[in-house]
Amino acid sequence: MQYTESLKKNHLFRRLYHRGKSSVGQELVLYCRKNGLDHNRLGITVSTKVGNAVTRNRIRRRIREAYRLSESRYLPGWDLVVVARSSAASASWAQMRDCLAEQSEKLRLYRRS
């Protein structure tokens, strides 16, 4: 991911959950908040309720790839946390990609074309 860093600190995740805006989809929940930087930071959360380690890692890879492919469309300066819901385990790649795009559009995170 060229313009994005990983979000790793627990207090940053908690701040997004409590003070950020959110959008809920079938497979994903997207939280966002301005970060005051010139780049985005992305965090991905997949609970153990979703499945075993193989399933959770597959979901993380799909979310990361869906974000990477549309990264240039995102406005800079946002913290994003994507939380996978239990239906993400059975979702196809296209459903995950479309759900992330739909939630991003709802929160107006894309550049206007």
PDB file of N, CA and C in Angstrom:
ATOM      1  N   MET A   1       0.841  -1.167   0.000  1.00  0.00           N
ATOM      2  CA  MET A   1       0.000   0.000   0.000  1.00  0.00           C
ATOM      3  C   MET A   1       0.890   1.236   0.000  1.00  0.00           C
ATOM      4  N   GLN A   2       0.779   1.985  -1.028  1.00  0.00           N
ATOM      5  CA  GLN A   2       1.706   3.078  -1.290  1.00  0.00           C
ATOM      6  C   GLN A   2       1.475   4.291  -0.397  1.00  0.00           C
ATOM      7  N   TYR A   3       0.220   4.655  -0.144  1.00  0.00           N
ATOM      8  CA  TYR A   3      -0.082   5.891   0.564  1.00  0.00           C
ATOM      9  C   TYR A   3      -0.642   5.648   1.968  1.00  0.00           C
ATOM     10  N   THR A   4      -0.511   4.440   2.467  1.00  0.00           N
ATOM     11  CA  THR A   4      -1.171   4.071   3.704  1.00  0.00           C
ATOM     12  C   THR A   4      -0.221   3.362   4.649  1.00  0.00           C
ATOM     13  N   GLU A   5      -0.354   3.673   5.941  1.00  0.00           N
ATOM     14  CA  GLU A   5       0.381   2.977   6.985  1.00  0.00           C
ATOM     15  C   GLU A   5      -0.583   2.051   7.722  1.00  0.00           C
ATOM     16  N   SER A   6      -0.017   1.109   8.467  1.00  0.00           N
ATOM     17  CA  SER A   6      -0.843   0.242   9.299  1.00  0.00           C
ATOM     18  C   SER A   6      -1.164   0.943  10.610  1.00  0.00           C
ATOM     19  N   LEU A   7      -2.351   0.713  11.073  1.00  0.00           N
ATOM     20  CA  LEU A   7      -2.788   1.225  12.368  1.00  0.00           C
ATOM     21  C   LEU A   7      -2.609   0.077  13.352  1.00  0.00           C
ATOM     22  N   LYS A   8      -1.769   0.258  14.370  1.00  0.00           N
ATOM     23  CA  LYS A   8      -1.428  -0.857  15.244  1.00  0.00           C
ATOM     24  C   LYS A   8      -1.696  -0.595  16.717  1.00  0.00           C
ATOM     25  N   LYS A   9      -1.744   0.646  17.138  1.00  0.00           N
ATOM     26  CA  LYS A   9      -1.875   0.969  18.554  1.00  0.00           C
ATOM     27  C   LYS A   9      -3.323   0.812  19.024  1.00  0.00           C
ATOM     28  N   ASN A  10      -3.487   0.167  20.160  1.00  0.00           N
ATOM     29  CA  ASN A  10      -4.811  -0.101  20.709  1.00  0.00           C
ATOM     30  C   ASN A  10      -5.581   1.188  20.999  1.00  0.00           C
ATOM     31  N   HIS A  11      -4.904   2.220  21.504  1.00  0.00           N
ATOM     32  CA  HIS A  11      -5.618   3.461  21.838  1.00  0.00           C
ATOM     33  C   HIS A  11      -6.144   4.158  20.583  1.00  0.00           C
ATOM     34  N   LEU A  12      -5.487   3.972  19.442  1.00  0.00           N
ATOM     35  CA  LEU A  12      -5.994   4.547  18.191  1.00  0.00           C
ATOM     36  C   LEU A  12      -7.249   3.813  17.728  1.00  0.00           C
ATOM     37  N   PHE A  13      -7.266   2.492  17.883  1.00  0.00           N
ATOM     38  CA  PHE A  13      -8.466   1.723  17.554  1.00  0.00           C
ATOM     39  C   PHE A  13      -9.626   2.166  18.446  1.00  0.00           C
ATOM     40  N   ARG A  14      -9.379   2.277  19.748  1.00  0.00           N
ATOM     41  CA  ARG A  14     -10.440   2.661  20.681  1.00  0.00           C
ATOM     42  C   ARG A  14     -10.971   4.058  20.377  1.00  0.00           C
ATOM     43  N   ARG A  15     -10.074   4.978  20.016  1.00  0.00           N
ATOM     44  CA  ARG A  15     -10.507   6.334  19.681  1.00  0.00           C
ATOM     45  C   ARG A  15     -11.432   6.317  18.467  1.00  0.00           C
ATOM     46  N   LEU A  16     -11.104   5.513  17.481  1.00  0.00           N
ATOM     47  CA  LEU A  16     -11.962   5.409  16.296  1.00  0.00           C
ATOM     48  C   LEU A  16     -13.322   4.821  16.651  1.00  0.00           C
ATOM     49  N   TYR A  17     -13.329   3.783  17.488  1.00  0.00           N
ATOM     50  CA  TYR A  17     -14.601   3.167  17.864  1.00  0.00           C
ATOM     51  C   TYR A  17     -15.506   4.156  18.599  1.00  0.00           C
ATOM     52  N   HIS A  18     -14.931   5.012  19.448  1.00  0.00           N
ATOM     53  CA  HIS A  18     -15.745   5.896  20.273  1.00  0.00           C
ATOM     54  C   HIS A  18     -16.044   7.238  19.627  1.00  0.00           C
ATOM     55  N   ARG A  19     -15.107   7.791  18.872  1.00  0.00           N
ATOM     56  CA  ARG A  19     -15.289   9.143  18.346  1.00  0.00           C
ATOM     57  C   ARG A  19     -15.431   9.199  16.826  1.00  0.00           C
ATOM     58  N   GLY A  20     -15.186   8.103  16.142  1.00  0.00           N
ATOM     59  CA  GLY A  20     -15.232   8.112  14.688  1.00  0.00           C
ATOM     60  C   GLY A  20     -16.638   7.886  14.145  1.00  0.00           C
ATOM     61  N   LYS A  21     -16.769   8.105  12.852  1.00  0.00           N
ATOM     62  CA  LYS A  21     -18.018   7.808  12.162  1.00  0.00           C
ATOM     63  C   LYS A  21     -17.955   6.366  11.697  1.00  0.00           C
ATOM     64  N   SER A  22     -19.106   5.713  11.576  1.00  0.00           N
ATOM     65  CA  SER A  22     -19.115   4.324  11.157  1.00  0.00           C
ATOM     66  C   SER A  22     -20.193   4.081  10.118  1.00  0.00           C
ATOM     67  N   SER A  23     -19.984   3.029   9.365  1.00  0.00           N
ATOM     68  CA  SER A  23     -20.942   2.589   8.363  1.00  0.00           C
ATOM     69  C   SER A  23     -20.968   1.068   8.393  1.00  0.00           C
ATOM     70  N   VAL A  24     -22.168   0.497   8.479  1.00  0.00           N
ATOM     71  CA  VAL A  24     -22.319  -0.944   8.638  1.00  0.00           C
ATOM     72  C   VAL A  24     -22.807  -1.561   7.340  1.00  0.00           C
ATOM     73  N   GLY A  25     -22.132  -2.622   6.923  1.00  0.00           N
ATOM     74  CA  GLY A  25     -22.538  -3.375   5.747  1.00  0.00           C
ATOM     75  C   GLY A  25     -22.777  -4.829   6.104  1.00  0.00           C
ATOM     76  N   GLN A  26     -23.099  -5.622   5.109  1.00  0.00           N
ATOM     77  CA  GLN A  26     -23.386  -7.042   5.330  1.00  0.00           C
ATOM     78  C   GLN A  26     -22.158  -7.787   5.850  1.00  0.00           C
ATOM     79  N   GLU A  27     -20.991  -7.551   5.261  1.00  0.00           N
ATOM     80  CA  GLU A  27     -19.786  -8.278   5.633  1.00  0.00           C
ATOM     81  C   GLU A  27     -18.826  -7.469   6.499  1.00  0.00           C
ATOM     82  N   LEU A  28     -18.891  -6.131   6.421  1.00  0.00           N
ATOM     83  CA  LEU A  28     -17.892  -5.285   7.073  1.00  0.00           C
ATOM     84  C   LEU A  28     -18.531  -4.101   7.795  1.00  0.00           C
ATOM     85  N   VAL A  29     -17.812  -3.614   8.806  1.00  0.00           N
ATOM     86  CA  VAL A  29     -18.137  -2.336   9.439  1.00  0.00           C
ATOM     87  C   VAL A  29     -16.908  -1.455   9.254  1.00  0.00           C
ATOM     88  N   LEU A  30     -17.102  -0.239   8.785  1.00  0.00           N
ATOM     89  CA  LEU A  30     -15.994   0.679   8.530  1.00  0.00           C
ATOM     90  C   LEU A  30     -16.107   1.871   9.467  1.00  0.00           C
ATOM     91  N   TYR A  31     -15.039   2.115  10.225  1.00  0.00           N
ATOM     92  CA  TYR A  31     -14.941   3.280  11.098  1.00  0.00           C
ATOM     93  C   TYR A  31     -13.922   4.235  10.494  1.00  0.00           C
ATOM     94  N   CYS A  32     -14.177   5.541  10.578  1.00  0.00           N
ATOM     95  CA  CYS A  32     -13.215   6.501  10.042  1.00  0.00           C
ATOM     96  C   CYS A  32     -13.182   7.750  10.913  1.00  0.00           C
ATOM     97  N   ARG A  33     -12.048   8.428  10.872  1.00  0.00           N
ATOM     98  CA  ARG A  33     -11.850   9.675  11.606  1.00  0.00           C
ATOM     99  C   ARG A  33     -10.667  10.401  10.994  1.00  0.00           C
ATOM    100  N   LYS A  34     -10.742  11.708  10.900  1.00  0.00           N
ATOM    101  CA  LYS A  34      -9.615  12.506  10.396  1.00  0.00           C
ATOM    102  C   LYS A  34      -8.415  12.311  11.316  1.00  0.00           C
ATOM    103  N   ASN A  35      -7.214  12.249  10.716  1.00  0.00           N
ATOM    104  CA  ASN A  35      -6.018  12.061  11.542  1.00  0.00           C
ATOM    105  C   ASN A  35      -5.050  13.240  11.493  1.00  0.00           C
ATOM    106  N   GLY A  36      -5.285  14.229  10.648  1.00  0.00           N
ATOM    107  CA  GLY A  36      -4.423  15.399  10.590  1.00  0.00           C
ATOM    108  C   GLY A  36      -3.096  15.158   9.904  1.00  0.00           C
ATOM    109  N   LEU A  37      -2.924  14.029   9.274  1.00  0.00           N
ATOM    110  CA  LEU A  37      -1.695  13.699   8.552  1.00  0.00           C
ATOM    111  C   LEU A  37      -1.953  13.790   7.058  1.00  0.00           C
ATOM    112  N   ASP A  38      -0.905  13.625   6.263  1.00  0.00           N
ATOM    113  CA  ASP A  38      -1.067  13.681   4.808  1.00  0.00           C
ATOM    114  C   ASP A  38      -1.240  12.298   4.194  1.00  0.00           C
ATOM    115  N   HIS A  39      -1.427  11.293   5.027  1.00  0.00           N
ATOM    116  CA  HIS A  39      -1.625   9.932   4.538  1.00  0.00           C
ATOM    117  C   HIS A  39      -2.684   9.238   5.391  1.00  0.00           C
ATOM    118  N   ASN A  40      -3.148   8.105   4.915  1.00  0.00           N
ATOM    119  CA  ASN A  40      -4.152   7.325   5.636  1.00  0.00           C
ATOM    120  C   ASN A  40      -3.470   6.260   6.484  1.00  0.00           C
ATOM    121  N   ARG A  41      -4.199   5.818   7.506  1.00  0.00           N
ATOM    122  CA  ARG A  41      -3.758   4.686   8.305  1.00  0.00           C
ATOM    123  C   ARG A  41      -4.900   3.687   8.337  1.00  0.00           C
ATOM    124  N   LEU A  42      -4.582   2.418   8.109  1.00  0.00           N
ATOM    125  CA  LEU A  42      -5.595   1.371   8.003  1.00  0.00           C
ATOM    126  C   LEU A  42      -5.374   0.313   9.064  1.00  0.00           C
ATOM    127  N   GLY A  43      -6.449  -0.030   9.771  1.00  0.00           N
ATOM    128  CA  GLY A  43      -6.437  -1.128  10.723  1.00  0.00           C
ATOM    129  C   GLY A  43      -7.513  -2.128  10.344  1.00  0.00           C
ATOM    130  N   ILE A  44      -7.223  -3.407  10.543  1.00  0.00           N
ATOM    131  CA  ILE A  44      -8.178  -4.461  10.201  1.00  0.00           C
ATOM    132  C   ILE A  44      -8.370  -5.337  11.426  1.00  0.00           C
ATOM    133  N   THR A  45      -9.625  -5.604  11.774  1.00  0.00           N
ATOM    134  CA  THR A  45      -9.949  -6.433  12.930  1.00  0.00           C
ATOM    135  C   THR A  45     -10.852  -7.571  12.490  1.00  0.00           C
ATOM    136  N   VAL A  46     -10.455  -8.787  12.870  1.00  0.00           N
ATOM    137  CA  VAL A  46     -11.268  -9.969  12.598  1.00  0.00           C
ATOM    138  C   VAL A  46     -11.332 -10.771  13.893  1.00  0.00           C
ATOM    139  N   SER A  47     -12.501 -10.913  14.460  1.00  0.00           N
ATOM    140  CA  SER A  47     -12.689 -11.595  15.733  1.00  0.00           C
ATOM    141  C   SER A  47     -12.528 -13.106  15.593  1.00  0.00           C
ATOM    142  N   THR A  48     -12.218 -13.763  16.692  1.00  0.00           N
ATOM    143  CA  THR A  48     -12.114 -15.220  16.673  1.00  0.00           C
ATOM    144  C   THR A  48     -13.480 -15.870  16.453  1.00  0.00           C
ATOM    145  N   LYS A  49     -14.549 -15.115  16.637  1.00  0.00           N
ATOM    146  CA  LYS A  49     -15.893 -15.637  16.381  1.00  0.00           C
ATOM    147  C   LYS A  49     -16.122 -15.914  14.898  1.00  0.00           C
ATOM    148  N   VAL A  50     -15.334 -15.264  14.042  1.00  0.00           N
ATOM    149  CA  VAL A  50     -15.518 -15.386  12.596  1.00  0.00           C
ATOM    150  C   VAL A  50     -15.072 -16.753  12.093  1.00  0.00           C
ATOM    151  N   GLY A  51     -14.032 -17.316  12.660  1.00  0.00           N
ATOM    152  CA  GLY A  51     -13.552 -18.618  12.216  1.00  0.00           C
ATOM    153  C   GLY A  51     -12.174 -18.913  12.771  1.00  0.00           C
ATOM    154  N   ASN A  52     -11.570 -19.952  12.236  1.00  0.00           N
ATOM    155  CA  ASN A  52     -10.234 -20.312  12.698  1.00  0.00           C
ATOM    156  C   ASN A  52      -9.191 -19.375  12.098  1.00  0.00           C
ATOM    157  N   ALA A  53      -7.924 -19.595  12.430  1.00  0.00           N
ATOM    158  CA  ALA A  53      -6.854 -18.685  12.016  1.00  0.00           C
ATOM    159  C   ALA A  53      -6.738 -18.584  10.496  1.00  0.00           C
ATOM    160  N   VAL A  54      -6.918 -19.689   9.811  1.00  0.00           N
ATOM    161  CA  VAL A  54      -6.819 -19.680   8.350  1.00  0.00           C
ATOM    162  C   VAL A  54      -7.904 -18.792   7.756  1.00  0.00           C
ATOM    163  N   THR A  55      -9.112 -18.918   8.255  1.00  0.00           N
ATOM    164  CA  THR A  55     -10.236 -18.113   7.771  1.00  0.00           C
ATOM    165  C   THR A  55     -10.021 -16.638   8.075  1.00  0.00           C
ATOM    166  N   ARG A  56      -9.596 -16.334   9.304  1.00  0.00           N
ATOM    167  CA  ARG A  56      -9.380 -14.940   9.686  1.00  0.00           C
ATOM    168  C   ARG A  56      -8.284 -14.300   8.844  1.00  0.00           C
ATOM    169  N   ASN A  57      -7.199 -15.014   8.590  1.00  0.00           N
ATOM    170  CA  ASN A  57      -6.118 -14.464   7.764  1.00  0.00           C
ATOM    171  C   ASN A  57      -6.552 -14.269   6.324  1.00  0.00           C
ATOM    172  N   ARG A  58      -7.370 -15.165   5.795  1.00  0.00           N
ATOM    173  CA  ARG A  58      -7.892 -15.006   4.436  1.00  0.00           C
ATOM    174  C   ARG A  58      -8.741 -13.743   4.340  1.00  0.00           C
ATOM    175  N   ILE A  59      -9.566 -13.515   5.347  1.00  0.00           N
ATOM    176  CA  ILE A  59     -10.408 -12.315   5.360  1.00  0.00           C
ATOM    177  C   ILE A  59      -9.536 -11.066   5.422  1.00  0.00           C
ATOM    178  N   ARG A  60      -8.499 -11.068   6.260  1.00  0.00           N
ATOM    179  CA  ARG A  60      -7.591  -9.920   6.350  1.00  0.00           C
ATOM    180  C   ARG A  60      -6.920  -9.636   5.009  1.00  0.00           C
ATOM    181  N   ARG A  61      -6.450 -10.684   4.358  1.00  0.00           N
ATOM    182  CA  ARG A  61      -5.788 -10.504   3.051  1.00  0.00           C
ATOM    183  C   ARG A  61      -6.761  -9.927   2.030  1.00  0.00           C
ATOM    184  N   ARG A  62      -7.996 -10.408   2.029  1.00  0.00           N
ATOM    185  CA  ARG A  62      -8.989  -9.900   1.075  1.00  0.00           C
ATOM    186  C   ARG A  62      -9.306  -8.428   1.338  1.00  0.00           C
ATOM    187  N   ILE A  63      -9.460  -8.051   2.594  1.00  0.00           N
ATOM    188  CA  ILE A  63      -9.746  -6.655   2.926  1.00  0.00           C
ATOM    189  C   ILE A  63      -8.572  -5.774   2.515  1.00  0.00           C
ATOM    190  N   ARG A  64      -7.362  -6.215   2.841  1.00  0.00           N
ATOM    191  CA  ARG A  64      -6.169  -5.431   2.504  1.00  0.00           C
ATOM    192  C   ARG A  64      -6.038  -5.257   0.995  1.00  0.00           C
ATOM    193  N   GLU A  65      -6.312  -6.308   0.241  1.00  0.00           N
ATOM    194  CA  GLU A  65      -6.215  -6.228  -1.217  1.00  0.00           C
ATOM    195  C   GLU A  65      -7.321  -5.349  -1.796  1.00  0.00           C
ATOM    196  N   ALA A  66      -8.525  -5.460  -1.264  1.00  0.00           N
ATOM    197  CA  ALA A  66      -9.630  -4.607  -1.737  1.00  0.00           C
ATOM    198  C   ALA A  66      -9.294  -3.144  -1.492  1.00  0.00           C
ATOM    199  N   TYR A  67      -8.702  -2.847  -0.347  1.00  0.00           N
ATOM    200  CA  TYR A  67      -8.295  -1.473  -0.068  1.00  0.00           C
ATOM    201  C   TYR A  67      -7.169  -1.043  -1.003  1.00  0.00           C
ATOM    202  N   ARG A  68      -6.182  -1.905  -1.196  1.00  0.00           N
ATOM    203  CA  ARG A  68      -5.018  -1.559  -2.020  1.00  0.00           C
ATOM    204  C   ARG A  68      -5.429  -1.217  -3.445  1.00  0.00           C
ATOM    205  N   LEU A  69      -6.365  -1.974  -3.994  1.00  0.00           N
ATOM    206  CA  LEU A  69      -6.782  -1.749  -5.381  1.00  0.00           C
ATOM    207  C   LEU A  69      -7.515  -0.419  -5.562  1.00  0.00           C
ATOM    208  N   SER A  70      -8.156   0.069  -4.512  1.00  0.00           N
ATOM    209  CA  SER A  70      -8.880   1.339  -4.622  1.00  0.00           C
ATOM    210  C   SER A  70      -8.224   2.444  -3.804  1.00  0.00           C
ATOM    211  N   GLU A  71      -6.996   2.240  -3.377  1.00  0.00           N
ATOM    212  CA  GLU A  71      -6.302   3.185  -2.499  1.00  0.00           C
ATOM    213  C   GLU A  71      -6.189   4.583  -3.092  1.00  0.00           C
ATOM    214  N   SER A  72      -5.974   4.683  -4.382  1.00  0.00           N
ATOM    215  CA  SER A  72      -5.794   5.992  -5.012  1.00  0.00           C
ATOM    216  C   SER A  72      -7.087   6.813  -5.013  1.00  0.00           C
ATOM    217  N   ARG A  73      -8.226   6.177  -4.812  1.00  0.00           N
ATOM    218  CA  ARG A  73      -9.508   6.886  -4.785  1.00  0.00           C
ATOM    219  C   ARG A  73      -9.791   7.534  -3.431  1.00  0.00           C
ATOM    220  N   TYR A  74      -9.102   7.084  -2.375  1.00  0.00           N
ATOM    221  CA  TYR A  74      -9.384   7.580  -1.033  1.00  0.00           C
ATOM    222  C   TYR A  74      -8.779   8.968  -0.820  1.00  0.00           C
ATOM    223  N   LEU A  75      -9.510   9.794  -0.103  1.00  0.00           N
ATOM    224  CA  LEU A  75      -8.996  11.096   0.308  1.00  0.00           C
ATOM    225  C   LEU A  75      -7.896  10.880   1.345  1.00  0.00           C
ATOM    226  N   PRO A  76      -6.827  11.677   1.330  1.00  0.00           N
ATOM    227  CA  PRO A  76      -5.765  11.502   2.323  1.00  0.00           C
ATOM    228  C   PRO A  76      -6.154  12.109   3.667  1.00  0.00           C
ATOM    229  N   GLY A  77      -5.506  11.627   4.716  1.00  0.00           N
ATOM    230  CA  GLY A  77      -5.699  12.205   6.034  1.00  0.00           C
ATOM    231  C   GLY A  77      -6.763  11.536   6.887  1.00  0.00           C
ATOM    232  N   TRP A  78      -6.998  10.242   6.699  1.00  0.00           N
ATOM    233  CA  TRP A  78      -8.020   9.530   7.449  1.00  0.00           C
ATOM    234  C   TRP A  78      -7.428   8.314   8.141  1.00  0.00           C
ATOM    235  N   ASP A  79      -7.935   8.017   9.344  1.00  0.00           N
ATOM    236  CA  ASP A  79      -7.707   6.738  10.001  1.00  0.00           C
ATOM    237  C   ASP A  79      -8.912   5.867   9.683  1.00  0.00           C
ATOM    238  N   LEU A  80      -8.660   4.651   9.261  1.00  0.00           N
ATOM    239  CA  LEU A  80      -9.731   3.722   8.906  1.00  0.00           C
ATOM    240  C   LEU A  80      -9.548   2.428   9.672  1.00  0.00           C
ATOM    241  N   VAL A  81     -10.629   1.899  10.212  1.00  0.00           N
ATOM    242  CA  VAL A  81     -10.617   0.571  10.812  1.00  0.00           C
ATOM    243  C   VAL A  81     -11.740  -0.221  10.167  1.00  0.00           C
ATOM    244  N   VAL A  82     -11.394  -1.385   9.640  1.00  0.00           N
ATOM    245  CA  VAL A  82     -12.361  -2.277   9.022  1.00  0.00           C
ATOM    246  C   VAL A  82     -12.543  -3.460   9.954  1.00  0.00           C
ATOM    247  N   VAL A  83     -13.776  -3.700  10.380  1.00  0.00           N
ATOM    248  CA  VAL A  83     -14.103  -4.816  11.257  1.00  0.00           C
ATOM    249  C   VAL A  83     -14.904  -5.821  10.445  1.00  0.00           C
ATOM    250  N   ALA A  84     -14.407  -7.048  10.381  1.00  0.00           N
ATOM    251  CA  ALA A  84     -15.098  -8.099   9.638  1.00  0.00           C
ATOM    252  C   ALA A  84     -16.223  -8.672  10.484  1.00  0.00           C
ATOM    253  N   ARG A  85     -17.373  -8.863   9.879  1.00  0.00           N
ATOM    254  CA  ARG A  85     -18.503  -9.496  10.550  1.00  0.00           C
ATOM    255  C   ARG A  85     -18.479 -10.985  10.244  1.00  0.00           C
ATOM    256  N   SER A  86     -19.283 -11.755  10.937  1.00  0.00           N
ATOM    257  CA  SER A  86     -19.237 -13.217  10.787  1.00  0.00           C
ATOM    258  C   SER A  86     -19.621 -13.664   9.382  1.00  0.00           C
ATOM    259  N   SER A  87     -20.431 -12.888   8.673  1.00  0.00           N
ATOM    260  CA  SER A  87     -20.811 -13.268   7.307  1.00  0.00           C
ATOM    261  C   SER A  87     -19.652 -13.103   6.326  1.00  0.00           C
ATOM    262  N   ALA A  88     -18.566 -12.450   6.740  1.00  0.00           N
ATOM    263  CA  ALA A  88     -17.403 -12.288   5.860  1.00  0.00           C
ATOM    264  C   ALA A  88     -16.722 -13.619   5.584  1.00  0.00           C
ATOM    265  N   ALA A  89     -16.884 -14.589   6.475  1.00  0.00           N
ATOM    266  CA  ALA A  89     -16.236 -15.890   6.299  1.00  0.00           C
ATOM    267  C   ALA A  89     -16.750 -16.608   5.057  1.00  0.00           C
ATOM    268  N   SER A  90     -18.016 -16.426   4.726  1.00  0.00           N
ATOM    269  CA  SER A  90     -18.579 -17.112   3.570  1.00  0.00           C
ATOM    270  C   SER A  90     -18.729 -16.197   2.357  1.00  0.00           C
ATOM    271  N   ALA A  91     -18.294 -14.955   2.463  1.00  0.00           N
ATOM    272  CA  ALA A  91     -18.447 -13.998   1.370  1.00  0.00           C
ATOM    273  C   ALA A  91     -17.380 -14.226   0.301  1.00  0.00           C
ATOM    274  N   SER A  92     -17.745 -13.939  -0.929  1.00  0.00           N
ATOM    275  CA  SER A  92     -16.785 -14.046  -2.030  1.00  0.00           C
ATOM    276  C   SER A  92     -15.898 -12.797  -2.057  1.00  0.00           C
ATOM    277  N   TRP A  93     -14.857 -12.870  -2.862  1.00  0.00           N
ATOM    278  CA  TRP A  93     -13.939 -11.735  -3.022  1.00  0.00           C
ATOM    279  C   TRP A  93     -14.691 -10.501  -3.528  1.00  0.00           C
ATOM    280  N   ALA A  94     -15.564 -10.687  -4.512  1.00  0.00           N
ATOM    281  CA  ALA A  94     -16.306  -9.566  -5.093  1.00  0.00           C
ATOM    282  C   ALA A  94     -17.241  -8.931  -4.071  1.00  0.00           C
ATOM    283  N   GLN A  95     -17.868  -9.740  -3.226  1.00  0.00           N
ATOM    284  CA  GLN A  95     -18.752  -9.199  -2.203  1.00  0.00           C
ATOM    285  C   GLN A  95     -17.976  -8.354  -1.202  1.00  0.00           C
ATOM    286  N   MET A  96     -16.782  -8.821  -0.809  1.00  0.00           N
ATOM    287  CA  MET A  96     -15.949  -8.069   0.139  1.00  0.00           C
ATOM    288  C   MET A  96     -15.529  -6.733  -0.475  1.00  0.00           C
ATOM    289  N   ARG A  97     -15.070  -6.778  -1.720  1.00  0.00           N
ATOM    290  CA  ARG A  97     -14.625  -5.565  -2.411  1.00  0.00           C
ATOM    291  C   ARG A  97     -15.775  -4.568  -2.541  1.00  0.00           C
ATOM    292  N   ASP A  98     -16.937  -5.048  -2.952  1.00  0.00           N
ATOM    293  CA  ASP A  98     -18.091  -4.174  -3.135  1.00  0.00           C
ATOM    294  C   ASP A  98     -18.591  -3.605  -1.813  1.00  0.00           C
ATOM    295  N   CYS A  99     -18.537  -4.400  -0.759  1.00  0.00           N
ATOM    296  CA  CYS A  99     -18.985  -3.927   0.553  1.00  0.00           C
ATOM    297  C   CYS A  99     -18.060  -2.828   1.066  1.00  0.00           C
ATOM    298  N   LEU A 100     -16.746  -3.004   0.900  1.00  0.00           N
ATOM    299  CA  LEU A 100     -15.803  -1.970   1.328  1.00  0.00           C
ATOM    300  C   LEU A 100     -16.016  -0.682   0.524  1.00  0.00           C
ATOM    301  N   ALA A 101     -16.213  -0.808  -0.773  1.00  0.00           N
ATOM    302  CA  ALA A 101     -16.445   0.368  -1.616  1.00  0.00           C
ATOM    303  C   ALA A 101     -17.746   1.069  -1.226  1.00  0.00           C
ATOM    304  N   GLU A 102     -18.781   0.302  -0.958  1.00  0.00           N
ATOM    305  CA  GLU A 102     -20.075   0.876  -0.596  1.00  0.00           C
ATOM    306  C   GLU A 102     -19.984   1.637   0.729  1.00  0.00           C
ATOM    307  N   GLN A 103     -19.312   1.063   1.707  1.00  0.00           N
ATOM    308  CA  GLN A 103     -19.181   1.729   3.010  1.00  0.00           C
ATOM    309  C   GLN A 103     -18.313   2.984   2.885  1.00  0.00           C
ATOM    310  N   SER A 104     -17.282   2.930   2.051  1.00  0.00           N
ATOM    311  CA  SER A 104     -16.426   4.103   1.839  1.00  0.00           C
ATOM    312  C   SER A 104     -17.194   5.237   1.174  1.00  0.00           C
ATOM    313  N   GLU A 105     -18.055   4.903   0.232  1.00  0.00           N
ATOM    314  CA  GLU A 105     -18.876   5.919  -0.424  1.00  0.00           C
ATOM    315  C   GLU A 105     -19.878   6.533   0.548  1.00  0.00           C
ATOM    316  N   LYS A 106     -20.460   5.719   1.420  1.00  0.00           N
ATOM    317  CA  LYS A 106     -21.409   6.235   2.403  1.00  0.00           C
ATOM    318  C   LYS A 106     -20.751   7.255   3.322  1.00  0.00           C
ATOM    319  N   LEU A 107     -19.491   6.996   3.674  1.00  0.00           N
ATOM    320  CA  LEU A 107     -18.767   7.907   4.573  1.00  0.00           C
ATOM    321  C   LEU A 107     -18.050   9.015   3.824  1.00  0.00           C
ATOM    322  N   ARG A 108     -18.203   9.060   2.503  1.00  0.00           N
ATOM    323  CA  ARG A 108     -17.616  10.086   1.646  1.00  0.00           C
ATOM    324  C   ARG A 108     -16.087  10.133   1.778  1.00  0.00           C
ATOM    325  N   LEU A 109     -15.465   8.964   1.684  1.00  0.00           N
ATOM    326  CA  LEU A 109     -14.017   8.867   1.794  1.00  0.00           C
ATOM    327  C   LEU A 109     -13.337   8.886   0.429  1.00  0.00           C
ATOM    328  N   TYR A 110     -14.116   8.797  -0.634  1.00  0.00           N
ATOM    329  CA  TYR A 110     -13.549   8.778  -1.995  1.00  0.00           C
ATOM    330  C   TYR A 110     -13.414  10.179  -2.542  1.00  0.00           C
ATOM    331  N   ARG A 111     -12.416  10.348  -3.420  1.00  0.00           N
ATOM    332  CA  ARG A 111     -12.267  11.611  -4.150  1.00  0.00           C
ATOM    333  C   ARG A 111     -13.430  11.757  -5.116  1.00  0.00           C
ATOM    334  N   ARG A 112     -13.825  12.964  -5.352  1.00  0.00           N
ATOM    335  CA  ARG A 112     -14.878  13.204  -6.333  1.00  0.00           C
ATOM    336  C   ARG A 112     -14.267  13.126  -7.725  1.00  0.00           C
ATOM    337  N   SER A 113     -14.923  12.398  -8.600  1.00  0.00           N
ATOM    338  CA  SER A 113     -14.372  12.238  -9.951  1.00  0.00           C
ATOM    339  C   SER A 113     -15.106  13.091 -10.952  1.00  0.00           C
TER     340      SER A 113
END
